Amino acid sequence: MKPYFLCSRRHEEAESGLNIIRPPRYLGGYILLLALCVSGGLVHAESFTNGIVSSAHPLATEAGLNVLKSGGNAIDAAVAVGFTLGVVDTHNSGIGGGCFMLIRLANGKFVAIDGREMAPSAATRDMFLRDGKGDTELSQTGPLASGVPGEVAAFDHAVKKHGKKKLKDLILPAADIAENGFAVSPGFVSRLQSAANDLAKFEASRAIFLPDGKPPKAGDILKQADLAKTYRAIAKQGSDWFYRGDFAKATGKWMKANGGIMTAADFAKYHIVLREPVRTTYHGREIVSFSPPSSGGVHVVQMLNILENFPLQMFDEPTRWHLIAETMKLAFADRAHWLGDPDYAKVPRGLVSKEYAATLAKQINSQRASEVKQHGLPPGWERDLFEKHTTHWSVADAEGNWVACTATINTSYGSKVVIPGTGVVLNNEMDDFSVQPGVANAFGLLGAEANAVAPGKRPLSSMSPTIVLQDGKPNIAIGAAGGPKIISAVLVQLVAMLDLGKTPQEAMAMPRIHQQWSPDELMVEKAMPDEVTAALEKRGHKVRELNSLSVAHTVARSADGKSFVGAADPRAGGKAEGW
């Protein structure tokens, strides 16, 4: 029997076809699953006054805390976390990939740093077509799969403009971990085993991750001497070593010898972009998230705008989950058609308008799953436009700086390519483009011309770093990993905290759902109560149960506003800690 999450007694009645809880008992406590209460997860709700870090690995969280304790701010700490994750969480992120960094500075200004990868100059619209058909193997594995990495440039910009420390101070501790090694977890080994066959195709990848031809065992020490050298070179020579020096040259040389198209010149052309965040209000709070080429921020905002038309706290659980699922379906239909790099595609601002959300809300049948045949038509779609595998971490400091940062190399171990002598795993973000209309990527997502491959273009992303303001002050920093499931994870947790009054820990423990329009199925975590799942099936949802859907990390102000609390997702081995 599955554990039941809601402990409140419900009094249901039909009102306008909706199941309403009277009186509202939505503040009933949650039974935290023992299966979810792993080390570093939701054990207690300890609060901290000086700062807090939540990330996917205890060593990364420790790195961020050390920076805060030594006089650095949240921006410095976030960068230290990112570099450390590139060592201990190599299957999810690293300097061979990219990131979106959303910063709320102590002075109230928001900074959105787009460090997304860029397609090489030689990239073409049809580069992944073979005999007229899209070949996703080419976009997912090997030399054609990678875009020019942006993480180093983003971190460098963030520290130079908004940090207190030097880049070298933030990367050298991570270099020490890479050189001395760390004990790999069972989860790390599992991800490595799943990618082993593809990693074995590339000599440098085999040498690091498959010693003696097989993955290490849980508890074994993994050392990455080449990555340590790369980190130290960046510490000594700065980001130019990466983009205009030896790393760029080595990558270009390997690509030329192995059928790739990325060149040293492509690295020299790379640049970060400062984006204007996307914003909305939700029940009196201000929601600030990342704008395109993130689809995540747009659709988190769009879905909250839709859900604001329903008093979610008054509904019974099945109805609440049903409404959320139908909202996801509408948003992802729009994502498939409209979203892309705004420097190349027309992405309408109307997607995040309250008026458009109200029209979509009217399409939702509260008692039955609907078929969404195509995207909607947001207002001003022709003229009012946005300007031209993954991990997340959140950081806040006592000065008032908050950071929500999501980084990725796309699927596990990215392209599976490690450039010899560097220790750097290159991303496979080219798969986040629409290889061909109607051809799904690794996450089952469809795309249209707006997200077609083009030289210098940034592929669409689901990364959704988000900051919530209450009374003008930052209150929550949140984000997640998990491909398109990032968007749904952020949405579900925001609903839990903002509609249902849950703490970050309680929100993190809730089961999650995901509906991405195509395929038309509702993914539900197995922790969902049986009776809720059955009710969703009765409403017409095609339910597919999965153990877990995503991994999230949250930091927030305590209820009294005097301290910080955090939550690391118990679905993984992360840690939230402060001081």
Protein backbone atom coordinates (compact mmCIF):
# COMPACT_ATOMS: atom_id res chain seq x y z
CA MET A 1 0.00 0.00 0.00
CA LYS A 2 1.28 3.42 -0.92
CA PRO A 3 1.69 6.02 1.80
CA TYR A 4 -0.95 8.74 1.78
CA PHE A 5 0.47 12.23 1.86
CA LEU A 6 -2.45 14.39 2.99
CA CYS A 7 -3.50 13.88 6.60
CA SER A 8 -6.48 16.21 6.59
CA ARG A 9 -10.08 15.01 6.62
CA ARG A 10 -11.95 16.16 3.55
CA HIS A 11 -15.53 17.32 3.30
CA GLU A 12 -16.42 17.24 -0.35
CA GLU A 13 -19.33 18.78 -2.17
CA ALA A 14 -20.03 19.53 -5.77
CA GLU A 15 -19.95 23.17 -6.75
CA SER A 16 -20.05 24.12 -10.38
CA GLY A 17 -18.81 20.68 -11.23
CA LEU A 18 -15.78 20.96 -8.98
CA ASN A 19 -14.96 19.00 -5.85
CA ILE A 20 -14.49 21.56 -3.11
CA ILE A 21 -13.04 20.96 0.33
CA ARG A 22 -15.15 22.68 3.01
CA PRO A 23 -13.80 23.93 5.21
CA PRO A 24 -10.33 24.14 3.64
CA ARG A 25 -8.08 21.69 5.41
CA TYR A 26 -5.17 21.98 3.03
CA LEU A 27 -2.74 22.81 5.80
CA GLY A 28 -2.89 19.28 7.08
CA GLY A 29 0.54 17.77 7.66
CA TYR A 30 2.42 15.51 5.30
CA ILE A 31 3.74 12.08 6.11
CA LEU A 32 7.29 12.26 4.88
CA LEU A 33 8.18 9.04 3.16
CA LEU A 34 10.84 7.01 4.90
CA ALA A 35 11.99 5.97 1.47
CA LEU A 36 12.62 9.59 0.64
CA CYS A 37 14.36 10.57 3.87
CA VAL A 38 17.88 9.82 2.73
CA SER A 39 21.07 11.42 3.98
CA GLY A 40 21.14 15.10 3.15
CA GLY A 41 17.47 15.15 2.28
CA LEU A 42 14.44 16.14 4.27
CA VAL A 43 15.43 15.29 7.79
CA HIS A 44 14.64 18.54 9.59
CA ALA A 45 13.81 22.15 8.93
CA GLU A 46 16.82 23.78 10.53
CA SER A 47 17.13 27.50 9.93
CA PHE A 48 20.24 29.64 9.44
CA THR A 49 20.85 33.37 9.72
CA ASN A 50 24.00 34.01 7.67
CA GLY A 51 23.42 32.15 4.42
CA ILE A 52 22.33 28.88 2.88
CA VAL A 53 23.20 26.57 -0.02
CA SER A 54 21.19 23.71 -1.51
CA SER A 55 22.79 21.54 -4.20
CA ALA A 56 22.93 18.03 -5.62
CA HIS A 57 26.05 16.93 -3.72
CA PRO A 58 27.27 17.46 -0.13
CA LEU A 59 30.77 18.39 -1.33
CA ALA A 60 29.34 21.08 -3.59
CA THR A 61 27.17 22.45 -0.79
CA GLU A 62 30.22 22.48 1.49
CA ALA A 63 32.21 24.36 -1.15
CA GLY A 64 29.54 27.05 -1.33
CA LEU A 65 29.32 27.36 2.44
CA ASN A 66 33.10 27.69 2.74
CA VAL A 67 32.97 30.62 0.34
CA LEU A 68 30.22 32.33 2.34
CA LYS A 69 32.09 31.80 5.60
CA SER A 70 35.30 33.27 4.12
CA GLY A 71 33.64 36.52 3.09
CA GLY A 72 32.24 35.70 -0.32
CA ASN A 73 28.68 36.47 -1.32
CA ALA A 74 25.97 34.27 -2.81
CA ILE A 75 27.27 34.81 -6.35
CA ASP A 76 30.74 33.63 -5.37
CA ALA A 77 29.27 30.65 -3.51
CA ALA A 78 27.09 29.69 -6.47
CA VAL A 79 30.10 29.63 -8.78
CA ALA A 80 32.09 27.50 -6.32
CA VAL A 81 29.15 25.09 -6.17
CA GLY A 82 29.04 24.90 -9.96
CA PHE A 83 32.74 24.16 -10.37
CA THR A 84 32.55 21.48 -7.67
CA LEU A 85 29.52 19.83 -9.25
CA GLY A 86 31.55 19.64 -12.45
CA VAL A 87 33.84 17.26 -10.55
CA VAL A 88 31.47 15.23 -8.36
CA ASP A 89 28.36 15.32 -10.54
CA THR A 90 29.94 14.97 -13.97
CA HIS A 91 27.02 13.12 -15.50
CA ASN A 92 24.77 16.16 -14.98
CA SER A 93 26.87 19.26 -15.49
CA GLY A 94 30.32 20.72 -15.89
CA ILE A 95 32.37 23.26 -17.81
CA GLY A 96 31.71 21.30 -21.00
CA GLY A 97 28.10 22.47 -20.80
CA GLY A 98 26.07 25.59 -20.14
CA CYS A 99 23.86 27.27 -17.58
CA PHE A 100 21.24 29.87 -16.79
CA MET A 101 22.06 31.96 -13.73
CA LEU A 102 19.32 34.11 -12.22
CA ILE A 103 20.63 36.57 -9.64
CA ARG A 104 18.75 38.95 -7.39
CA LEU A 105 21.32 41.42 -6.09
CA ALA A 106 21.17 42.99 -2.66
CA ASN A 107 20.27 46.33 -4.29
CA GLY A 108 17.10 44.79 -5.74
CA LYS A 109 18.34 44.46 -9.32
CA PHE A 110 17.86 41.20 -11.22
CA VAL A 111 20.58 39.82 -13.49
CA ALA A 112 19.85 36.91 -15.84
CA ILE A 113 23.02 35.44 -17.34
CA ASP A 114 22.48 33.23 -20.38
CA GLY A 115 25.42 30.84 -20.53
CA ARG A 116 23.60 28.45 -22.88
CA GLU A 117 25.63 26.57 -25.46
CA MET A 118 25.83 27.89 -29.06
CA ALA A 119 25.68 25.88 -32.27
CA PRO A 120 28.99 25.86 -34.22
CA SER A 121 29.33 28.20 -37.18
CA ALA A 122 29.24 25.25 -39.59
CA ALA A 123 25.93 23.96 -38.19
CA THR A 124 23.09 23.63 -40.70
CA ARG A 125 19.32 23.19 -40.52
CA ASP A 126 19.50 19.63 -41.84
CA MET A 127 22.81 18.48 -40.36
CA PHE A 128 21.20 15.55 -38.57
CA LEU A 129 19.17 14.28 -41.50
CA ARG A 130 20.18 11.05 -43.15
CA ASP A 131 18.20 9.88 -46.18
CA GLY A 132 15.67 12.59 -45.39
CA LYS A 133 15.04 11.42 -41.83
CA GLY A 134 16.25 12.87 -38.55
CA ASP A 135 18.95 10.73 -36.94
CA THR A 136 18.94 11.54 -33.22
CA GLU A 137 21.92 9.27 -32.60
CA LEU A 138 24.04 11.92 -34.30
CA SER A 139 22.58 14.72 -32.16
CA GLN A 140 22.99 12.78 -28.92
CA THR A 141 26.35 11.00 -29.11
CA GLY A 142 29.72 11.88 -30.60
CA PRO A 143 31.40 14.84 -32.29
CA LEU A 144 28.34 16.45 -33.90
CA ALA A 145 26.29 16.50 -30.70
CA SER A 146 27.99 19.38 -28.88
CA GLY A 147 27.43 23.10 -28.84
CA VAL A 148 30.08 25.58 -27.68
CA PRO A 149 30.03 25.45 -23.85
CA GLY A 150 28.98 28.58 -21.96
CA GLU A 151 29.34 27.75 -18.28
CA VAL A 152 32.87 29.12 -17.82
CA ALA A 153 31.94 32.42 -19.49
CA ALA A 154 28.81 32.75 -17.35
CA PHE A 155 30.66 32.05 -14.11
CA ASP A 156 33.47 34.42 -15.07
CA HIS A 157 31.04 37.24 -15.82
CA ALA A 158 29.06 36.68 -12.63
CA VAL A 159 32.13 36.81 -10.40
CA LYS A 160 33.78 39.79 -12.13
CA LYS A 161 30.62 41.89 -12.11
CA HIS A 162 28.87 40.83 -8.91
CA GLY A 163 31.19 38.72 -6.75
CA LYS A 164 33.72 39.54 -4.04
CA LYS A 165 36.22 36.77 -4.79
CA LYS A 166 38.51 35.94 -7.70
CA LEU A 167 37.61 33.14 -10.09
CA LYS A 168 40.74 31.24 -9.05
CA ASP A 169 39.62 31.21 -5.42
CA LEU A 170 36.41 29.47 -6.44
CA ILE A 171 37.81 26.87 -8.83
CA LEU A 172 40.99 25.74 -7.07
CA PRO A 173 39.22 23.88 -4.21
CA ALA A 174 37.31 21.93 -6.87
CA ALA A 175 40.62 21.19 -8.62
CA ASP A 176 41.87 19.64 -5.38
CA ILE A 177 38.82 17.36 -5.22
CA ALA A 178 39.38 16.31 -8.83
CA GLU A 179 43.06 15.52 -8.15
CA ASN A 180 42.62 13.77 -4.80
CA GLY A 181 39.38 12.05 -5.72
CA PHE A 182 36.05 11.47 -4.04
CA ALA A 183 34.01 8.42 -3.12
CA VAL A 184 31.40 7.71 -5.77
CA SER A 185 27.83 7.08 -4.65
CA PRO A 186 25.53 4.26 -5.76
CA GLY A 187 23.58 6.83 -7.80
CA PHE A 188 26.75 7.99 -9.55
CA VAL A 189 27.64 4.39 -10.38
CA SER A 190 24.15 3.70 -11.68
CA ARG A 191 24.26 6.67 -14.06
CA LEU A 192 27.73 5.63 -15.19
CA GLN A 193 26.62 2.07 -15.87
CA SER A 194 23.71 3.28 -18.01
CA ALA A 195 26.07 5.35 -20.18
CA ALA A 196 28.99 2.88 -20.20
CA ASN A 197 28.47 1.51 -23.71
CA ASP A 198 28.58 4.96 -25.29
CA LEU A 199 31.40 6.22 -23.08
CA ALA A 200 33.45 3.20 -24.15
CA LYS A 201 33.44 4.49 -27.74
CA PHE A 202 35.83 7.33 -26.83
CA GLU A 203 39.36 6.70 -25.54
CA ALA A 204 39.60 9.60 -23.09
CA SER A 205 36.14 8.88 -21.69
CA ARG A 206 37.03 5.22 -21.14
CA ALA A 207 40.25 6.14 -19.36
CA ILE A 208 38.46 8.25 -16.74
CA PHE A 209 35.14 6.56 -16.16
CA LEU A 210 35.77 2.94 -17.15
CA PRO A 211 39.13 1.97 -15.63
CA ASP A 212 39.98 -1.62 -16.46
CA GLY A 213 37.02 -1.57 -18.83
CA LYS A 214 34.28 -1.30 -16.21
CA PRO A 215 32.71 1.37 -13.98
CA PRO A 216 33.94 1.86 -10.42
CA LYS A 217 31.97 0.43 -7.52
CA ALA A 218 30.09 2.49 -4.96
CA GLY A 219 32.60 3.79 -2.44
CA ASP A 220 35.55 3.65 -4.84
CA ILE A 221 37.64 6.81 -5.17
CA LEU A 222 37.38 8.50 -8.57
CA LYS A 223 40.33 10.74 -9.46
CA GLN A 224 40.30 13.10 -12.45
CA ALA A 225 43.87 14.34 -12.94
CA ASP A 226 43.25 15.91 -16.35
CA LEU A 227 40.22 17.84 -15.11
CA ALA A 228 42.30 19.11 -12.18
CA LYS A 229 44.91 20.41 -14.66
CA THR A 230 42.18 22.12 -16.69
CA TYR A 231 40.75 23.80 -13.60
CA ARG A 232 44.20 25.00 -12.54
CA ALA A 233 44.88 26.37 -16.01
CA ILE A 234 41.65 28.38 -15.84
CA ALA A 235 42.60 29.57 -12.34
CA LYS A 236 45.98 30.78 -13.59
CA GLN A 237 45.11 32.12 -17.04
CA GLY A 238 41.43 32.94 -16.75
CA SER A 239 38.56 32.10 -19.07
CA ASP A 240 40.64 33.09 -22.12
CA TRP A 241 42.56 29.82 -21.71
CA PHE A 242 39.27 28.02 -22.27
CA TYR A 243 37.85 30.12 -25.12
CA ARG A 244 40.94 31.40 -26.93
CA GLY A 245 43.76 29.22 -25.64
CA ASP A 246 44.78 25.61 -25.29
CA PHE A 247 41.38 24.14 -24.54
CA ALA A 248 39.74 25.67 -27.60
CA LYS A 249 42.65 24.54 -29.78
CA ALA A 250 42.60 20.99 -28.39
CA THR A 251 38.85 20.72 -28.93
CA GLY A 252 39.05 22.04 -32.48
CA LYS A 253 41.86 19.61 -33.30
CA TRP A 254 39.96 16.61 -31.92
CA MET A 255 36.78 17.61 -33.73
CA LYS A 256 38.56 17.92 -37.07
CA ALA A 257 40.13 14.49 -36.63
CA ASN A 258 36.86 12.82 -35.63
CA GLY A 259 34.27 14.24 -37.99
CA GLY A 260 33.05 17.14 -35.85
CA ILE A 261 32.42 20.72 -36.98
CA MET A 262 33.26 22.73 -33.87
CA THR A 263 36.41 24.84 -34.22
CA ALA A 264 38.68 26.96 -32.07
CA ALA A 265 37.15 29.97 -33.84
CA ASP A 266 33.72 28.93 -32.54
CA PHE A 267 35.06 29.14 -28.99
CA ALA A 268 36.50 32.60 -29.61
CA LYS A 269 33.07 33.76 -30.82
CA TYR A 270 31.24 32.56 -27.73
CA HIS A 271 29.58 35.22 -25.57
CA ILE A 272 27.13 35.28 -22.73
CA VAL A 273 23.85 37.17 -23.15
CA LEU A 274 22.20 39.23 -20.43
CA ARG A 275 18.47 38.53 -20.65
CA GLU A 276 15.49 40.38 -19.25
CA PRO A 277 13.77 37.99 -16.83
CA VAL A 278 10.16 36.99 -17.37
CA ARG A 279 7.81 38.07 -14.57
CA THR A 280 4.31 37.61 -13.29
CA THR A 281 2.37 37.85 -10.07
CA TYR A 282 0.73 34.93 -8.31
CA HIS A 283 -1.51 35.43 -5.31
CA GLY A 284 0.26 38.64 -4.41
CA ARG A 285 3.81 37.34 -4.88
CA GLU A 286 6.09 38.34 -7.72
CA ILE A 287 7.50 35.44 -9.74
CA VAL A 288 10.76 36.09 -11.60
CA SER A 289 12.15 33.43 -13.93
CA PHE A 290 14.36 33.00 -16.98
CA SER A 291 13.31 34.18 -20.43
CA PRO A 292 13.93 32.41 -23.77
CA PRO A 293 15.91 30.45 -24.86
CA SER A 294 14.63 29.00 -21.60
CA SER A 295 11.17 27.60 -22.19
CA GLY A 296 11.05 26.81 -18.50
CA GLY A 297 10.61 30.33 -17.21
CA VAL A 298 8.00 31.21 -19.82
CA HIS A 299 5.92 28.15 -19.11
CA VAL A 300 6.26 28.21 -15.33
CA VAL A 301 4.86 31.73 -15.55
CA GLN A 302 2.22 30.72 -18.10
CA MET A 303 1.04 27.77 -16.00
CA LEU A 304 0.87 29.82 -12.81
CA ASN A 305 -1.18 32.40 -14.69
CA ILE A 306 -3.60 29.66 -15.78
CA LEU A 307 -3.83 28.10 -12.33
CA GLU A 308 -4.50 31.46 -10.70
CA ASN A 309 -7.98 31.15 -12.22
CA PHE A 310 -8.70 28.20 -9.90
CA PRO A 311 -8.84 28.22 -6.07
CA LEU A 312 -6.52 25.22 -5.81
CA GLN A 313 -6.50 25.18 -2.01
CA MET A 314 -10.24 24.49 -2.05
CA PHE A 315 -10.13 21.42 -4.30
CA ASP A 316 -9.82 17.79 -3.36
CA GLU A 317 -6.51 16.15 -4.34
CA PRO A 318 -7.63 14.39 -7.54
CA THR A 319 -9.22 17.58 -8.89
CA ARG A 320 -6.17 19.65 -7.97
CA TRP A 321 -3.78 17.25 -9.73
CA HIS A 322 -6.11 17.03 -12.72
CA LEU A 323 -6.16 20.81 -13.14
CA ILE A 324 -2.39 20.98 -12.87
CA ALA A 325 -1.99 18.19 -15.47
CA GLU A 326 -4.34 19.90 -17.93
CA THR A 327 -2.47 23.15 -17.45
CA MET A 328 0.83 21.44 -18.23
CA LYS A 329 -0.66 19.96 -21.39
CA LEU A 330 -1.72 23.37 -22.72
CA ALA A 331 1.64 24.96 -21.94
CA PHE A 332 3.71 22.20 -23.54
CA ALA A 333 1.60 22.38 -26.71
CA ASP A 334 2.58 26.04 -26.92
CA ARG A 335 6.19 25.17 -26.15
CA ALA A 336 6.42 22.79 -29.10
CA HIS A 337 5.35 25.49 -31.55
CA TRP A 338 6.43 28.88 -30.26
CA LEU A 339 9.62 28.53 -28.24
CA GLY A 340 13.18 29.00 -29.49
CA ASP A 341 16.17 31.33 -29.25
CA PRO A 342 14.62 34.84 -29.39
CA ASP A 343 17.65 36.09 -31.36
CA TYR A 344 16.53 33.82 -34.20
CA ALA A 345 12.83 33.08 -33.68
CA LYS A 346 9.71 35.12 -32.99
CA VAL A 347 8.70 34.18 -29.44
CA PRO A 348 5.50 36.03 -28.47
CA ARG A 349 5.30 37.78 -25.11
CA GLY A 350 1.60 37.03 -25.11
CA LEU A 351 2.41 33.54 -23.85
CA VAL A 352 2.87 35.01 -20.36
CA SER A 353 -0.08 37.40 -20.37
CA LYS A 354 -2.86 37.05 -17.80
CA GLU A 355 -5.47 37.50 -20.54
CA TYR A 356 -4.14 34.61 -22.62
CA ALA A 357 -3.96 32.44 -19.51
CA ALA A 358 -7.62 33.17 -18.77
CA THR A 359 -8.63 31.98 -22.25
CA LEU A 360 -6.65 28.77 -21.79
CA ALA A 361 -8.15 28.20 -18.34
CA LYS A 362 -11.62 28.22 -19.92
CA GLN A 363 -10.58 25.27 -22.11
CA ILE A 364 -9.99 23.05 -19.08
CA ASN A 365 -12.74 20.57 -18.21
CA SER A 366 -12.53 20.06 -14.46
CA GLN A 367 -13.83 16.50 -14.65
CA ARG A 368 -12.30 15.11 -17.82
CA ALA A 369 -8.91 15.02 -19.52
CA SER A 370 -9.12 16.90 -22.78
CA GLU A 371 -7.36 16.44 -26.12
CA VAL A 372 -5.21 19.41 -27.03
CA LYS A 373 -4.84 19.17 -30.79
CA GLN A 374 -2.50 22.10 -31.31
CA HIS A 375 -0.90 25.17 -29.83
CA GLY A 376 -2.81 28.28 -28.84
CA LEU A 377 -2.61 31.73 -30.42
CA PRO A 378 -1.33 34.23 -27.85
CA PRO A 379 -2.16 37.93 -28.27
CA GLY A 380 0.34 39.95 -30.28
CA TRP A 381 1.97 36.79 -31.62
CA GLU A 382 3.18 38.62 -34.75
CA ARG A 383 4.58 41.81 -33.18
CA ASP A 384 5.01 41.65 -29.38
CA LEU A 385 8.08 39.44 -29.04
CA PHE A 386 10.79 38.57 -26.56
CA GLU A 387 14.07 40.30 -27.32
CA LYS A 388 16.44 39.14 -29.62
CA HIS A 389 21.10 16.35 -18.15
CA THR A 390 21.03 18.97 -15.67
CA THR A 391 21.54 20.10 -12.08
CA HIS A 392 20.26 23.03 -10.04
CA TRP A 393 21.48 24.85 -6.97
CA SER A 394 20.15 27.73 -4.94
CA VAL A 395 22.10 30.11 -2.69
CA ALA A 396 21.23 33.08 -0.48
CA ASP A 397 23.31 35.30 1.78
CA ALA A 398 22.64 37.70 4.64
CA GLU A 399 23.42 40.72 2.43
CA GLY A 400 20.33 40.07 0.32
CA ASN A 401 21.92 38.36 -2.70
CA TRP A 402 20.01 35.36 -4.02
CA VAL A 403 21.00 32.99 -6.82
CA ALA A 404 19.07 30.31 -8.66
CA CYS A 405 21.37 28.54 -11.11
CA THR A 406 20.63 25.59 -13.39
CA ALA A 407 23.42 23.97 -15.40
CA THR A 408 23.51 21.07 -17.80
CA ILE A 409 25.37 18.97 -20.31
CA ASN A 410 21.93 17.63 -21.41
CA THR A 411 21.60 13.84 -21.14
CA SER A 412 23.74 11.78 -18.79
CA TYR A 413 27.42 12.39 -19.65
CA GLY A 414 26.34 14.60 -22.55
CA SER A 415 27.89 13.59 -25.87
CA LYS A 416 29.99 10.97 -24.02
CA VAL A 417 33.05 12.73 -25.48
CA VAL A 418 35.94 13.77 -23.26
CA ILE A 419 38.53 15.88 -25.09
CA PRO A 420 41.86 14.06 -24.51
CA GLY A 421 44.11 15.64 -21.91
CA THR A 422 41.38 17.92 -20.52
CA GLY A 423 39.05 15.70 -18.49
CA VAL A 424 36.10 17.76 -19.75
CA VAL A 425 32.88 15.99 -20.76
CA LEU A 426 31.30 17.82 -23.69
CA ASN A 427 27.57 18.43 -23.82
CA ASN A 428 25.09 17.05 -26.33
CA GLU A 429 22.90 20.14 -26.40
CA MET A 430 22.50 20.00 -30.18
CA ASP A 431 19.79 17.43 -29.41
CA ASP A 432 17.79 20.21 -27.77
CA PHE A 433 17.25 21.71 -31.20
CA SER A 434 14.43 20.41 -33.32
CA VAL A 435 16.33 17.91 -35.45
CA GLN A 436 13.33 17.66 -37.76
CA PRO A 437 9.67 18.65 -37.29
CA GLY A 438 7.83 15.68 -35.78
CA VAL A 439 11.03 13.94 -34.61
CA ALA A 440 11.26 13.75 -30.82
CA ASN A 441 14.51 14.42 -28.96
CA ALA A 442 15.96 12.34 -26.11
CA PHE A 443 13.22 13.59 -23.79
CA GLY A 444 10.37 12.88 -26.19
CA LEU A 445 9.88 16.57 -26.93
CA LEU A 446 8.74 17.84 -30.31
CA GLY A 447 9.80 21.15 -31.80
CA ALA A 448 9.00 23.35 -34.73
CA GLU A 449 10.90 25.76 -36.97
CA ALA A 450 11.39 28.22 -34.10
CA ASN A 451 13.87 25.75 -32.58
CA ALA A 452 15.56 24.58 -35.78
CA VAL A 453 19.36 24.30 -35.96
CA ALA A 454 21.21 27.41 -37.11
CA PRO A 455 24.83 28.56 -36.77
CA GLY A 456 25.44 30.48 -33.53
CA LYS A 457 21.93 29.74 -32.29
CA ARG A 458 21.17 28.59 -28.74
CA PRO A 459 18.95 25.54 -28.37
CA LEU A 460 15.72 25.67 -26.42
CA SER A 461 16.05 24.64 -22.78
CA SER A 462 13.70 23.57 -20.01
CA MET A 463 15.93 25.02 -17.28
CA SER A 464 13.77 27.13 -14.98
CA PRO A 465 15.72 28.97 -12.29
CA THR A 466 13.09 31.00 -10.45
CA ILE A 467 13.01 33.52 -7.60
CA VAL A 468 9.84 34.49 -5.71
CA LEU A 469 9.45 37.90 -4.08
CA GLN A 470 7.07 38.72 -1.25
CA ASP A 471 6.53 42.39 -0.40
CA GLY A 472 9.40 43.21 -2.74
CA LYS A 473 11.91 40.97 -0.94
CA PRO A 474 13.26 37.61 -2.17
CA ASN A 475 11.52 34.76 -0.41
CA ILE A 476 12.20 31.60 -2.44
CA ALA A 477 14.87 30.50 -4.92
CA ILE A 478 14.03 27.29 -6.71
CA GLY A 479 14.93 25.17 -9.71
CA ALA A 480 15.23 21.55 -10.76
CA ALA A 481 16.89 19.00 -13.01
CA GLY A 482 15.22 16.48 -15.27
CA GLY A 483 14.82 17.75 -18.83
CA PRO A 484 11.24 18.92 -19.47
CA LYS A 485 10.27 17.59 -16.05
CA ILE A 486 12.15 20.59 -14.63
CA ILE A 487 9.21 22.79 -15.56
CA SER A 488 6.62 20.58 -13.89
CA ALA A 489 8.76 20.09 -10.77
CA VAL A 490 9.13 23.84 -10.25
CA LEU A 491 5.42 24.35 -10.86
CA VAL A 492 4.29 21.63 -8.43
CA GLN A 493 6.52 22.92 -5.66
CA LEU A 494 5.47 26.53 -6.16
CA VAL A 495 1.83 25.48 -5.98
CA ALA A 496 2.56 23.50 -2.82
CA MET A 497 4.25 26.45 -1.12
CA LEU A 498 2.17 29.35 -2.45
CA ASP A 499 -1.30 27.76 -2.66
CA LEU A 500 -1.14 25.06 0.00
CA GLY A 501 1.08 26.74 2.55
CA LYS A 502 3.67 23.97 2.57
CA THR A 503 7.21 24.47 3.81
CA PRO A 504 10.04 23.86 1.33
CA GLN A 505 10.63 20.48 3.00
CA GLU A 506 6.99 19.46 2.73
CA ALA A 507 6.75 20.66 -0.85
CA MET A 508 9.87 18.69 -1.76
CA ALA A 509 8.38 15.49 -0.33
CA MET A 510 5.15 15.72 -2.32
CA PRO A 511 4.73 13.35 -5.25
CA ARG A 512 5.08 14.96 -8.69
CA ILE A 513 3.36 14.69 -12.03
CA HIS A 514 4.38 15.59 -15.56
CA GLN A 515 2.37 16.08 -18.75
CA GLN A 516 4.25 17.38 -21.81
CA TRP A 517 1.44 17.13 -24.44
CA SER A 518 3.37 14.75 -26.66
CA PRO A 519 3.27 11.89 -25.91
CA ASP A 520 -0.21 12.35 -24.44
CA GLU A 521 0.38 10.62 -21.14
CA LEU A 522 0.43 11.68 -17.51
CA MET A 523 3.60 10.66 -15.71
CA VAL A 524 3.00 10.13 -12.00
CA GLU A 525 5.47 9.25 -9.28
CA LYS A 526 4.71 5.96 -7.59
CA ALA A 527 4.50 7.77 -4.26
CA MET A 528 1.17 9.23 -5.37
CA PRO A 529 -1.67 7.66 -3.32
CA ASP A 530 -3.40 4.83 -5.17
CA GLU A 531 -6.80 6.46 -4.84
CA VAL A 532 -5.55 9.68 -6.42
CA THR A 533 -3.96 7.83 -9.33
CA ALA A 534 -7.18 5.86 -9.84
CA ALA A 535 -9.22 9.07 -9.82
CA LEU A 536 -6.95 10.60 -12.46
CA GLU A 537 -7.34 7.51 -14.65
CA LYS A 538 -11.10 7.74 -14.21
CA ARG A 539 -10.93 11.32 -15.52
CA GLY A 540 -9.36 10.01 -18.74
CA HIS A 541 -5.64 10.45 -18.09
CA LYS A 542 -3.30 7.85 -19.53
CA VAL A 543 -1.17 7.33 -16.42
CA ARG A 544 2.40 6.04 -16.48
CA GLU A 545 3.97 5.47 -13.08
CA LEU A 546 7.66 6.23 -12.52
CA ASN A 547 9.83 6.04 -9.42
CA SER A 548 10.82 9.70 -9.64
CA LEU A 549 10.52 12.50 -12.17
CA SER A 550 13.04 15.17 -11.24
CA VAL A 551 15.48 16.51 -8.67
CA ALA A 552 14.96 19.97 -7.19
CA HIS A 553 16.70 22.34 -4.76
CA THR A 554 15.16 25.19 -2.82
CA VAL A 555 16.25 27.89 -0.40
CA ALA A 556 13.74 30.17 1.27
CA ARG A 557 13.10 32.64 4.03
CA SER A 558 11.71 31.16 7.22
CA ALA A 559 8.10 31.88 8.10
CA ASP A 560 9.13 34.76 10.37
CA GLY A 561 11.47 36.18 7.73
CA LYS A 562 14.44 36.24 10.11
CA SER A 563 16.43 33.27 8.83
CA PHE A 564 16.94 30.87 5.92
CA VAL A 565 15.63 27.36 5.41
CA GLY A 566 16.46 24.98 2.61
CA ALA A 567 15.48 21.70 1.04
CA ALA A 568 17.57 19.31 -1.01
CA ASP A 569 15.60 16.77 -2.96
CA PRO A 570 15.49 13.42 -1.15
CA ARG A 571 15.21 11.73 -4.53
CA ALA A 572 18.97 12.28 -4.84
CA GLY A 573 21.91 12.59 -2.47
CA GLY A 574 22.10 16.36 -2.25
CA LYS A 575 22.31 18.60 0.78
CA ALA A 576 20.89 21.88 2.01
CA GLU A 577 23.03 23.55 4.66
CA GLY A 578 23.67 27.01 6.06
CA TRP A 579 25.39 28.81 8.85
